[in-house]
Protein backbone atom coordinates (compact mmCIF):
# COMPACT_ATOMS: atom_id res chain seq x y z
CA UNK A 1 25.04 -4.95 -1.38
CA UNK A 2 23.49 -5.36 -4.82
CA UNK A 3 20.64 -7.46 -3.41
CA UNK A 4 19.89 -4.85 -0.74
CA UNK A 5 19.96 -2.04 -3.29
CA UNK A 6 17.68 -4.04 -5.62
CA UNK A 7 15.16 -4.56 -2.81
CA UNK A 8 15.34 -0.89 -1.80
CA UNK A 9 14.69 0.29 -5.36
CA UNK A 10 11.86 -2.19 -5.83
CA UNK A 11 10.14 -1.23 -2.56
CA UNK A 12 10.64 2.44 -3.40
CA UNK A 13 8.92 2.02 -6.76
CA UNK A 14 6.01 0.15 -5.18
CA UNK A 15 5.73 2.82 -2.47
CA UNK A 16 5.65 5.61 -5.06
CA UNK A 17 2.72 3.87 -6.75
CA UNK A 18 1.03 3.31 -3.38
CA UNK A 19 1.31 6.99 -2.38
CA UNK A 20 -0.02 8.12 -5.75
CA UNK A 21 -2.92 5.66 -5.51
CA UNK A 22 -3.77 6.66 -1.95
CA UNK A 23 -3.75 10.37 -2.81
CA UNK A 24 -5.86 9.77 -5.93
CA UNK A 25 -8.48 7.96 -3.84
CA UNK A 26 -8.44 10.69 -1.19
CA UNK A 27 -9.05 13.21 -3.98
CA UNK A 28 -12.20 11.29 -4.90
CA UNK A 29 -10.99 9.59 -8.05
CA UNK A 30 -12.56 6.14 -8.17
CA UNK A 31 -13.17 3.62 -10.90
CA UNK A 32 -16.72 3.53 -12.15
CA UNK A 33 -18.87 0.43 -11.90
CA UNK A 34 -18.99 -2.49 -9.52
CA UNK A 35 -16.09 -4.28 -7.86
CA UNK A 36 -18.18 -7.42 -7.27
CA UNK A 37 -21.21 -9.14 -8.74
CA UNK A 38 -23.22 -8.43 -5.57
CA UNK A 39 -23.39 -4.73 -6.50
CA UNK A 40 -20.54 -3.40 -4.34
CA UNK A 41 -19.23 -0.31 -6.10
CA UNK A 42 -15.63 0.87 -6.24
CA UNK A 43 -16.80 4.10 -4.59
CA UNK A 44 -17.99 2.08 -1.56
CA UNK A 45 -14.48 0.82 -0.76
CA UNK A 46 -12.68 2.98 1.85
CA UNK A 47 -9.00 3.91 1.80
CA UNK A 48 -6.14 2.29 3.68
CA UNK A 49 -6.39 -0.84 5.78
CA UNK A 50 -10.18 -0.50 5.98
CA UNK A 51 -10.30 -1.54 2.32
CA UNK A 52 -9.05 -5.02 3.21
CA UNK A 53 -12.25 -5.80 5.10
CA UNK A 54 -14.49 -4.15 2.48
CA UNK A 55 -13.12 -5.92 -0.62
CA UNK A 56 -14.79 -9.29 -1.27
CA UNK A 57 -12.61 -12.33 -0.56
CA UNK A 58 -12.48 -13.33 -4.24
CA UNK A 59 -11.11 -9.88 -5.04
CA UNK A 60 -8.37 -10.18 -2.42
CA UNK A 61 -7.39 -13.57 -3.84
CA UNK A 62 -7.15 -12.03 -7.32
CA UNK A 63 -4.98 -9.19 -6.01
CA UNK A 64 -2.63 -11.58 -4.21
CA UNK A 65 -2.44 -13.84 -7.29
CA UNK A 66 -1.60 -10.83 -9.50
CA UNK A 67 1.13 -9.69 -7.11
CA UNK A 68 2.51 -13.23 -7.10
CA UNK A 69 2.54 -13.25 -10.90
CA UNK A 70 4.41 -9.93 -10.97
CA UNK A 71 6.95 -11.17 -8.42
CA UNK A 72 7.67 -14.44 -10.23
CA UNK A 73 7.43 -13.35 -13.86
CA UNK A 74 7.86 -9.62 -14.36
CA UNK A 75 9.83 -8.06 -11.49
CA UNK A 76 12.26 -10.86 -10.84
CA UNK A 77 15.84 -10.14 -9.89
CA UNK A 78 17.41 -9.82 -13.32
CA UNK A 79 21.12 -10.29 -13.61
CA UNK A 80 22.96 -8.74 -16.49
CA UNK A 81 21.10 -5.42 -16.59
CA UNK A 82 22.94 -2.14 -16.86
CA UNK A 83 22.47 -1.57 -13.12
CA UNK A 84 20.70 -3.10 -10.14
CA UNK A 85 16.95 -2.64 -10.56
CA UNK A 86 17.11 -2.38 -14.36
CA UNK A 87 13.81 -4.00 -15.41
CA UNK A 88 13.89 -2.87 -19.03
CA UNK A 89 14.57 -6.42 -20.26
CA UNK A 90 15.71 -4.97 -23.58
CA UNK A 91 12.20 -3.82 -24.51
CA UNK A 92 11.48 -0.42 -22.96
CA UNK A 93 14.00 2.38 -23.17
CA UNK A 94 12.26 5.80 -22.98
CA UNK A 95 15.52 7.44 -24.07
CA UNK A 96 17.64 6.09 -21.22
CA UNK A 97 20.44 5.05 -23.54
CA UNK A 98 20.72 8.61 -24.90
CA UNK A 99 21.81 10.02 -21.49
CA UNK A 100 25.46 10.40 -20.56
CA UNK A 101 26.85 8.50 -17.55
CA UNK A 102 26.67 11.47 -15.18
CA UNK A 103 23.00 12.10 -16.00
CA UNK A 104 22.18 8.41 -15.51
CA UNK A 105 23.80 8.40 -12.07
CA UNK A 106 21.96 11.59 -11.09
CA UNK A 107 18.59 10.20 -12.23
CA UNK A 108 19.17 6.93 -10.41
CA UNK A 109 20.03 8.86 -7.22
CA UNK A 110 16.86 10.94 -7.61
CA UNK A 111 14.77 7.77 -7.99
CA UNK A 112 16.42 6.22 -4.93
CA UNK A 113 15.76 9.29 -2.77
CA UNK A 114 12.17 9.66 -3.97
CA UNK A 115 11.60 5.97 -3.28
CA UNK A 116 12.91 6.39 0.25
CA UNK A 117 10.60 9.37 0.79
CA UNK A 118 7.64 7.43 -0.62
CA UNK A 119 8.32 4.52 1.73
CA UNK A 120 8.12 6.89 4.68
CA UNK A 121 5.10 8.63 3.13
CA UNK A 122 3.02 5.47 2.70
CA UNK A 123 3.85 4.46 6.27
CA UNK A 124 2.54 7.81 7.48
CA UNK A 125 -0.62 7.53 5.35
CA UNK A 126 -1.42 4.06 6.64
């Protein structure tokens, strides 16, 4: 069960970022400058799956390599955390340790439910 919960939390966090990024692009917020040396601008890249064919191949390789780095080095399944999906690694706290146990459980349930909603949301946007 812990492995399934870990994967659900991880996919929920990624989906929350994906929904926020998609909505930011739809609102017209784009990075300035060029995405490639050939003069392709960030503003020229469409949203959604259409972006995969518009991004130069070298850019896609960099994205896939970065995701691979995150998977193998940063977001690996850590055992020994306070709970499943605890990626703090002893470095980042943001006041989590100051909460009582009931508040921690409530916040974790909120994150889980928002992650589930974001997974459905990004599916609908794609």
